[in-house]
Amino acid sequence: MPGHPRAEAFKTEGNKYFKEGSYKAAIAKYKEATAIDPNVPAYWSNMAACYEKISDYEEMESAARSCIKADKAFVKGYFRLATALKAKNDLEGCIKALESGLAVDSSNADLKKMKKDLTELQRAEQVAAFCRKAEDQMQNGDIPGAFKTLELASRLDAGNPDIERMMSRVKPKFERLERERKASLSVDEVHKERGDDAYKAANFEVAIEHYTKCLDGLKRSGKEHSDLATKAHSNRAACYKQISNFDGVIEDCTAVLEVDPENVKALVRRAQAFEGVERYRFALQDVKTVLAMPFAKVGKANVDMCNMMQHRLNRTVQQLKASSV
């Protein structure tokens, strides 16, 4: 929608300078237009385009943000902002700007293409970083670490010749080390590893059998509070959760928490299990324990989940109190 006549006149002059390649002169005119009417997004958008031409991405970002502020539905503003942030190597901010623009116009071709290109760029950078890390791990003799890193890289870019070349050097060494490691495992450790393999294959009942044999063996040898036992209890709890055996989850998580009272994973799982068997106050207590811990220890995903659970459980507990009156 056209703005004030004088502002439009300045815009016209700015457009003329832009076509001539006189970008600083054009910026001055667009600034005069925004001084008269700051609510016309085209003035800011054109100004941002000028800043892009002279590679002043700080000012381009500022103009683009003013464009969006003037009209949140003006899609070009998001494109300008994303372009500036990409040039500043703020890829996370760039993706955010693109997603905001696509929320306004999900079919915008420019936004979609830039997001696709950026996603591919991020993937390529991540693969390159994994390859560099794997090379360092190989140099330092960390063959298992290098193998794991290359597996992560392969998931992002299967068939990448650099990854395959490095894997051809690492895999034989890793397999030899694995054979040696497995040959030295105790019976209990073997059951723990077989349980892990079964869990990864979603064979939860089989995994539970192996974790149980591991724990029984550790108990017989007086090692029921060892690190291996704690891991077996934690992993068996994860299996019980998958098959909705909430009592089993509670029992195993409690065993973990007796050794490690601030184990976030065990507290969250036990809270979910308590809720599953309608022991809401116990669930609420575990959730509150998690939320009282440092954010860095808990992690955003667990904090968000526990906040939702706390709200839901508080409401349920209040409803139960009201119904018992």
Protein backbone atom coordinates (compact mmCIF):
# COMPACT_ATOMS: atom_id res chain seq x y z
CA MET A 1 0.00 0.00 0.00
CA PRO A 2 1.56 3.37 -1.02
CA GLY A 3 2.72 5.63 1.77
CA HIS A 4 2.85 9.38 2.15
CA PRO A 5 3.29 11.20 -1.23
CA ARG A 6 6.62 12.77 -0.18
CA ALA A 7 7.86 9.40 1.09
CA GLU A 8 6.85 7.78 -2.20
CA ALA A 9 8.77 10.48 -4.07
CA PHE A 10 11.90 9.70 -2.06
CA LYS A 11 11.37 6.00 -2.79
CA THR A 12 11.15 6.73 -6.52
CA GLU A 13 14.42 8.66 -6.35
CA GLY A 14 15.98 5.81 -4.39
CA ASN A 15 14.85 3.29 -7.01
CA LYS A 16 16.47 5.44 -9.71
CA TYR A 17 19.78 5.53 -7.84
CA PHE A 18 19.55 1.78 -7.23
CA LYS A 19 19.20 1.05 -10.95
CA GLU A 20 22.21 3.26 -11.61
CA GLY A 21 24.27 1.36 -9.04
CA SER A 22 24.51 4.37 -6.73
CA TYR A 23 23.59 2.34 -3.66
CA LYS A 24 24.66 4.79 -0.96
CA ALA A 25 22.65 7.56 -2.61
CA ALA A 26 19.69 5.19 -2.82
CA ILE A 27 20.02 4.34 0.88
CA ALA A 28 19.90 8.05 1.75
CA LYS A 29 16.62 8.42 -0.16
CA TYR A 30 15.05 5.33 1.40
CA LYS A 31 16.06 6.65 4.82
CA GLU A 32 14.26 9.91 4.05
CA ALA A 33 11.19 7.90 3.05
CA THR A 34 11.24 5.89 6.31
CA ALA A 35 11.67 9.09 8.32
CA ILE A 36 8.34 10.28 6.91
CA ASP A 37 6.54 6.92 7.07
CA PRO A 38 8.33 4.03 8.84
CA ASN A 39 5.37 1.67 8.39
CA VAL A 40 5.83 0.97 4.68
CA PRO A 41 7.88 -2.26 4.48
CA ALA A 42 9.03 -1.68 0.87
CA TYR A 43 11.19 1.28 1.95
CA TRP A 44 13.07 -0.89 4.44
CA SER A 45 13.25 -3.83 2.04
CA ASN A 46 14.76 -1.69 -0.72
CA MET A 47 17.20 -0.21 1.77
CA ALA A 48 18.22 -3.74 2.83
CA ALA A 49 18.78 -4.65 -0.83
CA CYS A 50 21.16 -1.69 -1.15
CA TYR A 51 23.12 -2.73 1.93
CA GLU A 52 23.44 -6.22 0.42
CA LYS A 53 24.97 -4.68 -2.72
CA ILE A 54 27.67 -2.94 -0.68
CA SER A 55 28.15 -6.01 1.61
CA ASP A 56 27.12 -4.17 4.78
CA TYR A 57 25.28 -7.07 6.35
CA GLU A 58 24.93 -5.55 9.81
CA GLU A 59 22.90 -2.67 8.37
CA MET A 60 21.11 -5.06 6.03
CA GLU A 61 19.97 -7.12 9.03
CA SER A 62 18.80 -3.96 10.82
CA ALA A 63 16.83 -2.76 7.77
CA ALA A 64 15.28 -6.20 7.28
CA ARG A 65 14.16 -6.36 10.91
CA SER A 66 12.60 -2.90 10.54
CA CYS A 67 10.86 -4.17 7.40
CA ILE A 68 9.32 -7.07 9.32
CA LYS A 69 8.38 -4.75 12.17
CA ALA A 70 6.58 -2.49 9.67
CA ASP A 71 4.57 -5.41 8.28
CA LYS A 72 4.90 -8.97 9.58
CA ALA A 73 3.06 -10.26 6.51
CA PHE A 74 5.60 -8.76 4.08
CA VAL A 75 7.41 -11.97 3.11
CA LYS A 76 10.35 -10.29 1.36
CA GLY A 77 11.42 -8.90 4.74
CA TYR A 78 12.11 -12.43 5.99
CA PHE A 79 14.08 -13.22 2.84
CA ARG A 80 16.19 -10.08 3.32
CA LEU A 81 16.80 -10.94 6.97
CA ALA A 82 17.74 -14.55 6.13
CA THR A 83 20.15 -13.33 3.44
CA ALA A 84 21.89 -10.99 5.88
CA LEU A 85 22.16 -13.64 8.60
CA LYS A 86 23.50 -16.21 6.15
CA ALA A 87 26.18 -13.73 5.05
CA LYS A 88 27.09 -13.23 8.71
CA ASN A 89 27.34 -17.03 9.08
CA ASP A 90 24.50 -17.04 11.60
CA LEU A 91 22.98 -20.19 10.09
CA GLU A 92 20.73 -20.91 13.05
CA GLY A 93 19.27 -17.40 12.92
CA CYS A 94 18.94 -17.69 9.15
CA ILE A 95 16.90 -20.91 9.43
CA LYS A 96 14.70 -19.24 12.05
CA ALA A 97 14.04 -16.27 9.76
CA LEU A 98 13.18 -18.59 6.87
CA GLU A 99 10.80 -20.61 9.02
CA SER A 100 9.11 -17.41 10.20
CA GLY A 101 8.67 -16.33 6.58
CA LEU A 102 7.33 -19.74 5.54
CA ALA A 103 4.82 -19.52 8.39
CA VAL A 104 3.46 -16.46 6.57
CA ASP A 105 3.69 -17.95 3.07
CA SER A 106 4.45 -21.66 3.01
CA SER A 107 4.68 -21.77 -0.79
CA ASN A 108 7.19 -18.93 -1.26
CA ALA A 109 9.75 -20.31 -3.72
CA ASP A 110 12.65 -18.06 -2.64
CA LEU A 111 12.31 -18.97 1.02
CA LYS A 112 11.93 -22.68 0.25
CA LYS A 113 14.98 -22.74 -2.00
CA MET A 114 17.16 -20.89 0.49
CA LYS A 115 16.09 -23.21 3.29
CA LYS A 116 16.84 -26.27 1.16
CA ASP A 117 20.26 -24.90 0.18
CA LEU A 118 21.05 -23.96 3.77
CA THR A 119 20.03 -27.37 5.09
CA GLU A 120 22.33 -28.98 2.52
CA LEU A 121 25.14 -26.61 3.52
CA GLN A 122 24.70 -27.44 7.21
CA ARG A 123 24.69 -31.16 6.42
CA ALA A 124 27.89 -30.86 4.37
CA GLU A 125 29.58 -28.84 7.13
CA GLN A 126 28.53 -31.40 9.74
CA VAL A 127 29.89 -34.27 7.63
CA ALA A 128 33.19 -32.41 7.16
CA ALA A 129 33.40 -31.78 10.91
CA PHE A 130 32.78 -35.46 11.63
CA CYS A 131 35.55 -36.43 9.17
CA ARG A 132 38.00 -34.02 10.81
CA LYS A 133 37.10 -35.35 14.25
CA ALA A 134 37.49 -38.96 13.09
CA GLU A 135 40.92 -38.15 11.62
CA ASP A 136 42.02 -36.64 14.93
CA GLN A 137 40.68 -39.66 16.84
CA MET A 138 42.60 -42.01 14.53
CA GLN A 139 45.79 -40.00 15.02
CA ASN A 140 45.31 -40.24 18.80
CA GLY A 141 44.67 -43.99 18.66
CA ASP A 142 40.97 -43.74 19.57
CA ILE A 143 39.79 -46.30 17.02
CA PRO A 144 36.37 -46.98 18.67
CA GLY A 145 35.71 -43.22 18.81
CA ALA A 146 36.72 -42.77 15.16
CA PHE A 147 34.47 -45.66 14.10
CA LYS A 148 31.48 -44.19 15.95
CA THR A 149 32.12 -40.73 14.47
CA LEU A 150 32.29 -42.13 10.95
CA GLU A 151 29.05 -44.03 11.51
CA LEU A 152 27.38 -40.73 12.43
CA ALA A 153 28.83 -39.13 9.29
CA SER A 154 27.54 -42.02 7.14
CA ARG A 155 24.01 -41.49 8.41
CA LEU A 156 24.17 -37.94 7.10
CA ASP A 157 25.84 -38.74 3.78
CA ALA A 158 25.76 -42.41 2.84
CA GLY A 159 28.17 -43.27 0.04
CA ASN A 160 30.43 -40.26 0.63
CA PRO A 161 33.83 -41.34 -0.78
CA ASP A 162 35.82 -39.57 1.95
CA ILE A 163 33.84 -41.35 4.66
CA GLU A 164 34.17 -44.71 2.90
CA ARG A 165 37.93 -44.23 2.46
CA MET A 166 38.38 -43.45 6.16
CA MET A 167 36.05 -46.28 7.17
CA SER A 168 38.12 -48.77 5.14
CA ARG A 169 41.08 -47.89 7.38
CA VAL A 170 39.20 -47.80 10.66
CA LYS A 171 36.73 -50.69 10.43
CA PRO A 172 39.24 -53.59 10.33
CA LYS A 173 41.07 -52.19 13.37
CA PHE A 174 37.78 -51.59 15.19
CA GLU A 175 36.55 -55.13 14.51
CA ARG A 176 39.81 -56.61 15.78
CA LEU A 177 39.60 -54.53 18.97
CA GLU A 178 35.96 -55.54 19.41
CA ARG A 179 36.85 -59.24 19.16
CA GLU A 180 39.55 -58.77 21.77
CA ARG A 181 37.26 -56.75 24.03
CA LYS A 182 34.39 -59.25 23.85
CA ALA A 183 36.75 -62.14 24.54
CA SER A 184 37.69 -60.48 27.84
CA LEU A 185 34.12 -59.80 29.01
CA SER A 186 32.66 -61.53 32.04
CA VAL A 187 29.45 -63.56 31.69
CA ASP A 188 27.47 -60.71 33.27
CA GLU A 189 28.96 -58.16 30.86
CA VAL A 190 28.09 -60.42 27.93
CA HIS A 191 24.45 -60.54 29.04
CA LYS A 192 24.43 -56.74 29.39
CA GLU A 193 25.74 -56.31 25.83
CA ARG A 194 23.29 -58.85 24.43
CA GLY A 195 20.53 -56.96 26.18
CA ASP A 196 21.73 -53.73 24.55
CA ASP A 197 21.73 -55.39 21.12
CA ALA A 198 18.22 -56.76 21.65
CA TYR A 199 16.96 -53.35 22.79
CA LYS A 200 18.37 -51.66 19.67
CA ALA A 201 16.53 -54.29 17.60
CA ALA A 202 13.29 -53.53 19.56
CA ASN A 203 13.27 -57.08 21.01
CA PHE A 204 12.36 -55.79 24.45
CA GLU A 205 11.35 -59.10 26.04
CA VAL A 206 14.65 -60.68 24.97
CA ALA A 207 16.55 -57.65 26.24
CA ILE A 208 14.80 -57.94 29.63
CA GLU A 209 15.89 -61.59 29.88
CA HIS A 210 19.53 -60.69 29.31
CA TYR A 211 19.49 -57.71 31.70
CA THR A 212 17.85 -59.93 34.33
CA LYS A 213 20.55 -62.61 33.92
CA CYS A 214 23.19 -59.90 34.21
CA LEU A 215 21.65 -58.53 37.41
CA ASP A 216 21.16 -61.99 38.92
CA GLY A 217 24.82 -62.81 38.28
CA LEU A 218 25.98 -59.54 39.81
CA LYS A 219 23.82 -60.14 42.87
CA ARG A 220 25.31 -63.58 43.38
CA SER A 221 28.81 -62.12 43.31
CA GLY A 222 27.94 -59.23 45.63
CA LYS A 223 28.18 -56.59 42.91
CA GLU A 224 24.53 -55.45 42.92
CA HIS A 225 25.58 -51.82 43.44
CA SER A 226 28.27 -51.73 40.74
CA ASP A 227 28.24 -49.41 37.73
CA LEU A 228 27.32 -52.39 35.55
CA ALA A 229 24.31 -53.16 37.74
CA THR A 230 23.18 -49.52 37.60
CA LYS A 231 23.38 -49.54 33.80
CA ALA A 232 21.51 -52.85 33.58
CA HIS A 233 18.74 -51.55 35.86
CA SER A 234 18.48 -48.34 33.81
CA ASN A 235 18.33 -50.20 30.50
CA ARG A 236 15.84 -52.77 31.80
CA ALA A 237 13.66 -49.88 32.99
CA ALA A 238 13.72 -48.53 29.42
CA CYS A 239 12.54 -51.93 28.16
CA TYR A 240 9.76 -52.13 30.76
CA LYS A 241 8.63 -48.67 29.70
CA GLN A 242 8.36 -49.81 26.08
CA ILE A 243 6.00 -52.66 27.06
CA SER A 244 4.10 -50.51 29.62
CA ASN A 245 5.24 -52.55 32.63
CA PHE A 246 5.12 -49.53 34.93
CA ASP A 247 5.79 -51.47 38.12
CA GLY A 248 8.98 -52.82 36.56
CA VAL A 249 10.02 -49.30 35.55
CA ILE A 250 9.45 -48.03 39.09
CA GLU A 251 11.42 -50.87 40.67
CA ASP A 252 14.43 -50.54 38.36
CA CYS A 253 14.51 -46.73 38.46
CA THR A 254 14.36 -46.87 42.26
CA ALA A 255 17.38 -49.21 42.22
CA VAL A 256 19.26 -46.69 40.04
CA LEU A 257 18.30 -43.78 42.30
CA GLU A 258 19.50 -45.60 45.42
CA VAL A 259 23.00 -45.45 43.90
CA ASP A 260 22.63 -42.16 41.98
CA PRO A 261 19.90 -40.00 43.59
CA GLU A 262 20.18 -37.27 40.92
CA ASN A 263 19.95 -39.53 37.87
CA VAL A 264 17.68 -37.41 35.65
CA LYS A 265 16.74 -40.23 33.29
CA ALA A 266 15.66 -42.47 36.17
CA LEU A 267 13.66 -39.70 37.85
CA VAL A 268 11.81 -38.81 34.64
CA ARG A 269 11.07 -42.44 33.78
CA ARG A 270 9.87 -43.17 37.31
CA ALA A 271 7.64 -40.09 37.28
CA GLN A 272 6.07 -41.25 34.02
CA ALA A 273 5.58 -44.74 35.45
CA PHE A 274 4.04 -43.39 38.67
CA GLU A 275 1.60 -41.40 36.56
CA GLY A 276 0.86 -44.57 34.55
CA VAL A 277 -0.22 -46.40 37.73
CA GLU A 278 -2.11 -43.33 39.01
CA ARG A 279 0.29 -42.60 41.87
CA TYR A 280 0.16 -38.94 41.03
CA ARG A 281 1.71 -37.47 44.17
CA PHE A 282 4.81 -39.64 43.82
CA ALA A 283 5.05 -38.66 40.16
CA LEU A 284 4.79 -34.99 41.09
CA GLN A 285 7.53 -35.36 43.69
CA ASP A 286 9.95 -36.82 41.10
CA VAL A 287 9.09 -34.11 38.60
CA LYS A 288 9.72 -31.38 41.16
CA THR A 289 13.06 -32.98 42.03
CA VAL A 290 14.11 -32.78 38.38
CA LEU A 291 12.95 -29.18 37.99
CA ALA A 292 14.94 -28.17 41.09
CA MET A 293 18.18 -29.31 39.43
CA PRO A 294 20.44 -27.04 37.33
CA PHE A 295 19.13 -26.51 33.79
CA ALA A 296 22.44 -27.60 32.25
CA LYS A 297 22.23 -30.97 34.02
CA VAL A 298 18.59 -31.60 33.12
CA GLY A 299 18.52 -30.33 29.53
CA LYS A 300 15.82 -28.37 27.72
CA ALA A 301 13.85 -31.41 26.52
CA ASN A 302 13.51 -32.80 30.05
CA VAL A 303 12.71 -29.38 31.53
CA ASP A 304 9.94 -28.83 28.98
CA MET A 305 8.55 -32.32 29.55
CA CYS A 306 8.63 -31.99 33.34
CA ASN A 307 6.98 -28.57 33.24
CA MET A 308 4.11 -30.05 31.22
CA MET A 309 3.89 -33.04 33.57
CA GLN A 310 3.92 -30.79 36.63
CA HIS A 311 1.04 -28.72 35.26
CA ARG A 312 -0.94 -31.85 34.39
CA LEU A 313 -0.20 -33.61 37.69
CA ASN A 314 -0.99 -30.53 39.82
CA ARG A 315 -4.36 -30.30 38.10
CA THR A 316 -5.04 -34.00 38.64
CA VAL A 317 -4.05 -33.86 42.31
CA GLN A 318 -6.30 -30.82 42.88
CA GLN A 319 -9.20 -32.57 41.17
CA LEU A 320 -8.71 -35.64 43.40
CA LYS A 321 -8.63 -33.43 46.48
CA ALA A 322 -11.83 -31.70 45.42
CA SER A 323 -13.64 -34.96 44.72
CA SER A 324 -12.69 -36.40 48.13
CA VAL A 325 -14.23 -33.49 50.04
